[in-house]
Amino acid sequence: MKLYVETMDATVVEVGPDGRVRLQDEAWSAPTFQERRAIIYAAENELAALRELLEILDPEGRVTRSESDST
């Protein structure tokens, strides 16, 4: 996973089950409250953009995972 967080000018590359994150070229760390908010905001924006992309490319939701894996 890669999620660019503009307000932090950093890219999240991994998230642990305990909430710690690993930023690109950095060690695992527990994000501050502000960093958590920034990561959540960036993730919500990315989800919205991905939903929009899916609606454009597959407006009727006809492509299934197994069909897309075979192409």
PDB file of N, CA and C in Angstrom:
ATOM      1  N   MET A   1       0.838  -1.166   0.000  1.00  0.00           N
ATOM      2  CA  MET A   1       0.000   0.000   0.000  1.00  0.00           C
ATOM      3  C   MET A   1       0.886   1.232   0.000  1.00  0.00           C
ATOM      4  N   LYS A   2       0.463   2.223  -0.744  1.00  0.00           N
ATOM      5  CA  LYS A   2       1.121   3.524  -0.697  1.00  0.00           C
ATOM      6  C   LYS A   2       0.039   4.593  -0.664  1.00  0.00           C
ATOM      7  N   LEU A   3       0.125   5.451   0.314  1.00  0.00           N
ATOM      8  CA  LEU A   3      -0.827   6.544   0.450  1.00  0.00           C
ATOM      9  C   LEU A   3      -0.043   7.813   0.706  1.00  0.00           C
ATOM     10  N   TYR A   4      -0.095   8.731  -0.263  1.00  0.00           N
ATOM     11  CA  TYR A   4       0.585  10.015  -0.089  1.00  0.00           C
ATOM     12  C   TYR A   4      -0.276  10.914   0.779  1.00  0.00           C
ATOM     13  N   VAL A   5       0.319  11.465   1.817  1.00  0.00           N
ATOM     14  CA  VAL A   5      -0.375  12.367   2.739  1.00  0.00           C
ATOM     15  C   VAL A   5       0.232  13.752   2.529  1.00  0.00           C
ATOM     16  N   GLU A   6      -0.488  14.564   1.773  1.00  0.00           N
ATOM     17  CA  GLU A   6       0.040  15.863   1.346  1.00  0.00           C
ATOM     18  C   GLU A   6       0.435  16.754   2.515  1.00  0.00           C
ATOM     19  N   THR A   7      -0.412  16.826   3.531  1.00  0.00           N
ATOM     20  CA  THR A   7      -0.132  17.733   4.650  1.00  0.00           C
ATOM     21  C   THR A   7       1.123  17.333   5.427  1.00  0.00           C
ATOM     22  N   MET A   8       1.501  16.078   5.350  1.00  0.00           N
ATOM     23  CA  MET A   8       2.719  15.596   6.006  1.00  0.00           C
ATOM     24  C   MET A   8       3.886  15.529   5.025  1.00  0.00           C
ATOM     25  N   ASP A   9       3.595  15.676   3.732  1.00  0.00           N
ATOM     26  CA  ASP A   9       4.580  15.488   2.671  1.00  0.00           C
ATOM     27  C   ASP A   9       5.308  14.158   2.885  1.00  0.00           C
ATOM     28  N   ALA A  10       4.501  13.113   3.081  1.00  0.00           N
ATOM     29  CA  ALA A  10       5.036  11.784   3.363  1.00  0.00           C
ATOM     30  C   ALA A  10       4.125  10.737   2.735  1.00  0.00           C
ATOM     31  N   THR A  11       4.686   9.556   2.524  1.00  0.00           N
ATOM     32  CA  THR A  11       3.933   8.441   1.969  1.00  0.00           C
ATOM     33  C   THR A  11       3.886   7.310   2.976  1.00  0.00           C
ATOM     34  N   VAL A  12       2.673   6.899   3.335  1.00  0.00           N
ATOM     35  CA  VAL A  12       2.490   5.747   4.213  1.00  0.00           C
ATOM     36  C   VAL A  12       2.639   4.499   3.353  1.00  0.00           C
ATOM     37  N   VAL A  13       3.505   3.578   3.773  1.00  0.00           N
ATOM     38  CA  VAL A  13       3.709   2.352   3.010  1.00  0.00           C
ATOM     39  C   VAL A  13       3.206   1.107   3.730  1.00  0.00           C
ATOM     40  N   GLU A  14       3.047   1.193   5.048  1.00  0.00           N
ATOM     41  CA  GLU A  14       2.501   0.060   5.810  1.00  0.00           C
ATOM     42  C   GLU A  14       1.790   0.576   7.047  1.00  0.00           C
ATOM     43  N   VAL A  15       0.780  -0.176   7.470  1.00  0.00           N
ATOM     44  CA  VAL A  15       0.065   0.125   8.707  1.00  0.00           C
ATOM     45  C   VAL A  15      -0.047  -1.172   9.492  1.00  0.00           C
ATOM     46  N   GLY A  16       0.339  -1.136  10.737  1.00  0.00           N
ATOM     47  CA  GLY A  16       0.266  -2.315  11.577  1.00  0.00           C
ATOM     48  C   GLY A  16      -1.066  -2.421  12.282  1.00  0.00           C
ATOM     49  N   PRO A  17      -1.411  -3.619  12.743  1.00  0.00           N
ATOM     50  CA  PRO A  17      -2.687  -3.815  13.439  1.00  0.00           C
ATOM     51  C   PRO A  17      -2.784  -3.012  14.737  1.00  0.00           C
ATOM     52  N   ASP A  18      -1.639  -2.570  15.242  1.00  0.00           N
ATOM     53  CA  ASP A  18      -1.635  -1.775  16.475  1.00  0.00           C
ATOM     54  C   ASP A  18      -1.735  -0.276  16.201  1.00  0.00           C
ATOM     55  N   GLY A  19      -1.874   0.111  14.913  1.00  0.00           N
ATOM     56  CA  GLY A  19      -2.036   1.518  14.571  1.00  0.00           C
ATOM     57  C   GLY A  19      -0.747   2.236  14.235  1.00  0.00           C
ATOM     58  N   ARG A  20       0.380   1.543  14.410  1.00  0.00           N
ATOM     59  CA  ARG A  20       1.641   2.172  14.015  1.00  0.00           C
ATOM     60  C   ARG A  20       1.725   2.203  12.494  1.00  0.00           C
ATOM     61  N   VAL A  21       2.477   3.158  11.983  1.00  0.00           N
ATOM     62  CA  VAL A  21       2.631   3.290  10.538  1.00  0.00           C
ATOM     63  C   VAL A  21       4.110   3.298  10.182  1.00  0.00           C
ATOM     64  N   ARG A  22       4.363   2.920   8.944  1.00  0.00           N
ATOM     65  CA  ARG A  22       5.731   3.036   8.433  1.00  0.00           C
ATOM     66  C   ARG A  22       5.664   3.960   7.237  1.00  0.00           C
ATOM     67  N   LEU A  23       6.368   5.065   7.335  1.00  0.00           N
ATOM     68  CA  LEU A  23       6.449   6.002   6.237  1.00  0.00           C
ATOM     69  C   LEU A  23       7.612   5.596   5.343  1.00  0.00           C
ATOM     70  N   GLN A  24       7.530   5.964   4.081  1.00  0.00           N
ATOM     71  CA  GLN A  24       8.577   5.613   3.129  1.00  0.00           C
ATOM     72  C   GLN A  24       9.928   6.105   3.647  1.00  0.00           C
ATOM     73  N   ASP A  25      10.889   5.217   3.634  1.00  0.00           N
ATOM     74  CA  ASP A  25      12.265   5.496   4.071  1.00  0.00           C
ATOM     75  C   ASP A  25      12.383   5.835   5.554  1.00  0.00           C
ATOM     76  N   GLU A  26      11.409   5.428   6.356  1.00  0.00           N
ATOM     77  CA  GLU A  26      11.462   5.656   7.796  1.00  0.00           C
ATOM     78  C   GLU A  26      11.103   4.380   8.540  1.00  0.00           C
ATOM     79  N   ALA A  27      11.345   4.374   9.834  1.00  0.00           N
ATOM     80  CA  ALA A  27      11.023   3.224  10.681  1.00  0.00           C
ATOM     81  C   ALA A  27       9.566   3.306  11.137  1.00  0.00           C
ATOM     82  N   TRP A  28       9.088   2.203  11.720  1.00  0.00           N
ATOM     83  CA  TRP A  28       7.739   2.163  12.280  1.00  0.00           C
ATOM     84  C   TRP A  28       7.628   3.201  13.390  1.00  0.00           C
ATOM     85  N   SER A  29       6.450   3.858  13.473  1.00  0.00           N
ATOM     86  CA  SER A  29       6.225   4.821  14.551  1.00  0.00           C
ATOM     87  C   SER A  29       4.725   4.952  14.799  1.00  0.00           C
ATOM     88  N   ALA A  30       4.408   5.430  15.983  1.00  0.00           N
ATOM     89  CA  ALA A  30       3.007   5.710  16.330  1.00  0.00           C
ATOM     90  C   ALA A  30       2.722   7.146  15.913  1.00  0.00           C
ATOM     91  N   PRO A  31       1.750   7.352  15.021  1.00  0.00           N
ATOM     92  CA  PRO A  31       1.467   8.717  14.581  1.00  0.00           C
ATOM     93  C   PRO A  31       0.850   9.553  15.698  1.00  0.00           C
ATOM     94  N   THR A  32       1.160  10.840  15.665  1.00  0.00           N
ATOM     95  CA  THR A  32       0.534  11.769  16.615  1.00  0.00           C
ATOM     96  C   THR A  32      -0.939  11.912  16.243  1.00  0.00           C
ATOM     97  N   PHE A  33      -1.686  12.580  17.092  1.00  0.00           N
ATOM     98  CA  PHE A  33      -3.100  12.808  16.812  1.00  0.00           C
ATOM     99  C   PHE A  33      -3.273  13.546  15.484  1.00  0.00           C
ATOM    100  N   GLN A  34      -2.469  14.574  15.262  1.00  0.00           N
ATOM    101  CA  GLN A  34      -2.563  15.348  14.025  1.00  0.00           C
ATOM    102  C   GLN A  34      -2.174  14.499  12.811  1.00  0.00           C
ATOM    103  N   GLU A  35      -1.161  13.666  12.960  1.00  0.00           N
ATOM    104  CA  GLU A  35      -0.755  12.785  11.860  1.00  0.00           C
ATOM    105  C   GLU A  35      -1.846  11.766  11.539  1.00  0.00           C
ATOM    106  N   ARG A  36      -2.472  11.220  12.582  1.00  0.00           N
ATOM    107  CA  ARG A  36      -3.576  10.280  12.359  1.00  0.00           C
ATOM    108  C   ARG A  36      -4.700  10.950  11.588  1.00  0.00           C
ATOM    109  N   ARG A  37      -5.061  12.166  11.977  1.00  0.00           N
ATOM    110  CA  ARG A  37      -6.118  12.905  11.267  1.00  0.00           C
ATOM    111  C   ARG A  37      -5.735  13.147   9.821  1.00  0.00           C
ATOM    112  N   ALA A  38      -4.477  13.504   9.569  1.00  0.00           N
ATOM    113  CA  ALA A  38      -4.013  13.761   8.211  1.00  0.00           C
ATOM    114  C   ALA A  38      -4.052  12.487   7.370  1.00  0.00           C
ATOM    115  N   ILE A  39      -3.661  11.366   7.963  1.00  0.00           N
ATOM    116  CA  ILE A  39      -3.672  10.083   7.245  1.00  0.00           C
ATOM    117  C   ILE A  39      -5.106   9.671   6.929  1.00  0.00           C
ATOM    118  N   ILE A  40      -5.990   9.801   7.897  1.00  0.00           N
ATOM    119  CA  ILE A  40      -7.403   9.454   7.689  1.00  0.00           C
ATOM    120  C   ILE A  40      -8.012  10.329   6.600  1.00  0.00           C
ATOM    121  N   TYR A  41      -7.745  11.625   6.633  1.00  0.00           N
ATOM    122  CA  TYR A  41      -8.265  12.549   5.631  1.00  0.00           C
ATOM    123  C   TYR A  41      -7.765  12.155   4.230  1.00  0.00           C
ATOM    124  N   ALA A  42      -6.478  11.857   4.116  1.00  0.00           N
ATOM    125  CA  ALA A  42      -5.916  11.461   2.822  1.00  0.00           C
ATOM    126  C   ALA A  42      -6.538  10.148   2.344  1.00  0.00           C
ATOM    127  N   ALA A  43      -6.745   9.207   3.247  1.00  0.00           N
ATOM    128  CA  ALA A  43      -7.336   7.914   2.876  1.00  0.00           C
ATOM    129  C   ALA A  43      -8.782   8.092   2.412  1.00  0.00           C
ATOM    130  N   GLU A  44      -9.538   8.941   3.111  1.00  0.00           N
ATOM    131  CA  GLU A  44     -10.927   9.188   2.696  1.00  0.00           C
ATOM    132  C   GLU A  44     -10.982   9.828   1.312  1.00  0.00           C
ATOM    133  N   ASN A  45     -10.085  10.767   1.046  1.00  0.00           N
ATOM    134  CA  ASN A  45     -10.039  11.396  -0.271  1.00  0.00           C
ATOM    135  C   ASN A  45      -9.655  10.394  -1.353  1.00  0.00           C
ATOM    136  N   GLU A  46      -8.727   9.502  -1.039  1.00  0.00           N
ATOM    137  CA  GLU A  46      -8.303   8.489  -2.010  1.00  0.00           C
ATOM    138  C   GLU A  46      -9.441   7.508  -2.292  1.00  0.00           C
ATOM    139  N   LEU A  47     -10.192   7.130  -1.254  1.00  0.00           N
ATOM    140  CA  LEU A  47     -11.348   6.255  -1.451  1.00  0.00           C
ATOM    141  C   LEU A  47     -12.381   6.901  -2.363  1.00  0.00           C
ATOM    142  N   ALA A  48     -12.639   8.176  -2.160  1.00  0.00           N
ATOM    143  CA  ALA A  48     -13.604   8.882  -3.006  1.00  0.00           C
ATOM    144  C   ALA A  48     -13.132   8.907  -4.454  1.00  0.00           C
ATOM    145  N   ALA A  49     -11.849   9.141  -4.666  1.00  0.00           N
ATOM    146  CA  ALA A  49     -11.308   9.162  -6.026  1.00  0.00           C
ATOM    147  C   ALA A  49     -11.385   7.778  -6.668  1.00  0.00           C
ATOM    148  N   LEU A  50     -11.127   6.737  -5.897  1.00  0.00           N
ATOM    149  CA  LEU A  50     -11.212   5.372  -6.428  1.00  0.00           C
ATOM    150  C   LEU A  50     -12.649   4.988  -6.756  1.00  0.00           C
ATOM    151  N   ARG A  51     -13.600   5.418  -5.913  1.00  0.00           N
ATOM    152  CA  ARG A  51     -15.016   5.148  -6.209  1.00  0.00           C
ATOM    153  C   ARG A  51     -15.427   5.825  -7.506  1.00  0.00           C
ATOM    154  N   GLU A  52     -14.987   7.063  -7.699  1.00  0.00           N
ATOM    155  CA  GLU A  52     -15.295   7.795  -8.920  1.00  0.00           C
ATOM    156  C   GLU A  52     -14.703   7.081 -10.137  1.00  0.00           C
ATOM    157  N   LEU A  53     -13.479   6.610 -10.006  1.00  0.00           N
ATOM    158  CA  LEU A  53     -12.840   5.861 -11.085  1.00  0.00           C
ATOM    159  C   LEU A  53     -13.632   4.607 -11.433  1.00  0.00           C
ATOM    160  N   LEU A  54     -14.065   3.866 -10.409  1.00  0.00           N
ATOM    161  CA  LEU A  54     -14.857   2.658 -10.652  1.00  0.00           C
ATOM    162  C   LEU A  54     -16.175   2.976 -11.335  1.00  0.00           C
ATOM    163  N   GLU A  55     -16.820   4.046 -10.914  1.00  0.00           N
ATOM    164  CA  GLU A  55     -18.090   4.431 -11.538  1.00  0.00           C
ATOM    165  C   GLU A  55     -17.907   4.786 -13.010  1.00  0.00           C
ATOM    166  N   ILE A  56     -16.784   5.390 -13.342  1.00  0.00           N
ATOM    167  CA  ILE A  56     -16.509   5.756 -14.726  1.00  0.00           C
ATOM    168  C   ILE A  56     -16.184   4.523 -15.557  1.00  0.00           C
ATOM    169  N   LEU A  57     -15.305   3.674 -15.044  1.00  0.00           N
ATOM    170  CA  LEU A  57     -14.840   2.515 -15.814  1.00  0.00           C
ATOM    171  C   LEU A  57     -15.813   1.346 -15.804  1.00  0.00           C
ATOM    172  N   ASP A  58     -16.604   1.230 -14.750  1.00  0.00           N
ATOM    173  CA  ASP A  58     -17.524   0.105 -14.616  1.00  0.00           C
ATOM    174  C   ASP A  58     -18.847   0.609 -14.038  1.00  0.00           C
ATOM    175  N   PRO A  59     -19.584   1.430 -14.813  1.00  0.00           N
ATOM    176  CA  PRO A  59     -20.771   2.099 -14.273  1.00  0.00           C
ATOM    177  C   PRO A  59     -21.865   1.153 -13.784  1.00  0.00           C
ATOM    178  N   GLU A  60     -21.945  -0.020 -14.329  1.00  0.00           N
ATOM    179  CA  GLU A  60     -22.992  -0.960 -13.904  1.00  0.00           C
ATOM    180  C   GLU A  60     -22.464  -2.022 -12.952  1.00  0.00           C
ATOM    181  N   GLY A  61     -21.201  -1.934 -12.578  1.00  0.00           N
ATOM    182  CA  GLY A  61     -20.623  -2.893 -11.642  1.00  0.00           C
ATOM    183  C   GLY A  61     -20.577  -4.308 -12.177  1.00  0.00           C
ATOM    184  N   ARG A  62     -20.360  -4.455 -13.472  1.00  0.00           N
ATOM    185  CA  ARG A  62     -20.403  -5.778 -14.091  1.00  0.00           C
ATOM    186  C   ARG A  62     -19.091  -6.542 -14.024  1.00  0.00           C
ATOM    187  N   VAL A  63     -17.988  -5.857 -13.920  1.00  0.00           N
ATOM    188  CA  VAL A  63     -16.702  -6.543 -13.883  1.00  0.00           C
ATOM    189  C   VAL A  63     -16.490  -7.104 -12.479  1.00  0.00           C
ATOM    190  N   THR A  64     -16.280  -8.404 -12.411  1.00  0.00           N
ATOM    191  CA  THR A  64     -16.026  -9.029 -11.114  1.00  0.00           C
ATOM    192  C   THR A  64     -14.540  -9.234 -10.940  1.00  0.00           C
ATOM    193  N   ARG A  65     -14.135  -9.523  -9.753  1.00  0.00           N
ATOM    194  CA  ARG A  65     -12.714  -9.721  -9.449  1.00  0.00           C
ATOM    195  C   ARG A  65     -12.121 -10.832 -10.295  1.00  0.00           C
ATOM    196  N   SER A  66     -12.811 -11.955 -10.427  1.00  0.00           N
ATOM    197  CA  SER A  66     -12.268 -13.079 -11.199  1.00  0.00           C
ATOM    198  C   SER A  66     -12.155 -12.736 -12.687  1.00  0.00           C
ATOM    199  N   GLU A  67     -13.094 -11.945 -13.203  1.00  0.00           N
ATOM    200  CA  GLU A  67     -13.016 -11.534 -14.604  1.00  0.00           C
ATOM    201  C   GLU A  67     -11.841 -10.607 -14.829  1.00  0.00           C
ATOM    202  N   SER A  68     -11.630  -9.673 -13.920  1.00  0.00           N
ATOM    203  CA  SER A  68     -10.542  -8.724 -14.096  1.00  0.00           C
ATOM    204  C   SER A  68      -9.187  -9.391 -13.902  1.00  0.00           C
ATOM    205  N   ASP A  69      -9.117 -10.463 -13.118  1.00  0.00           N
ATOM    206  CA  ASP A  69      -7.852 -11.177 -12.917  1.00  0.00           C
ATOM    207  C   ASP A  69      -7.438 -11.920 -14.170  1.00  0.00           C
ATOM    208  N   SER A  70      -8.381 -12.272 -15.042  1.00  0.00           N
ATOM    209  CA  SER A  70      -8.055 -13.068 -16.220  1.00  0.00           C
ATOM    210  C   SER A  70      -7.616 -12.213 -17.397  1.00  0.00           C
ATOM    211  N   THR A  71      -7.686 -10.877 -17.274  1.00  0.00           N
ATOM    212  CA  THR A  71      -7.289 -10.015 -18.384  1.00  0.00           C
ATOM    213  C   THR A  71      -5.881  -9.522 -18.247  1.00  0.00           C
TER     214      THR A  71
END
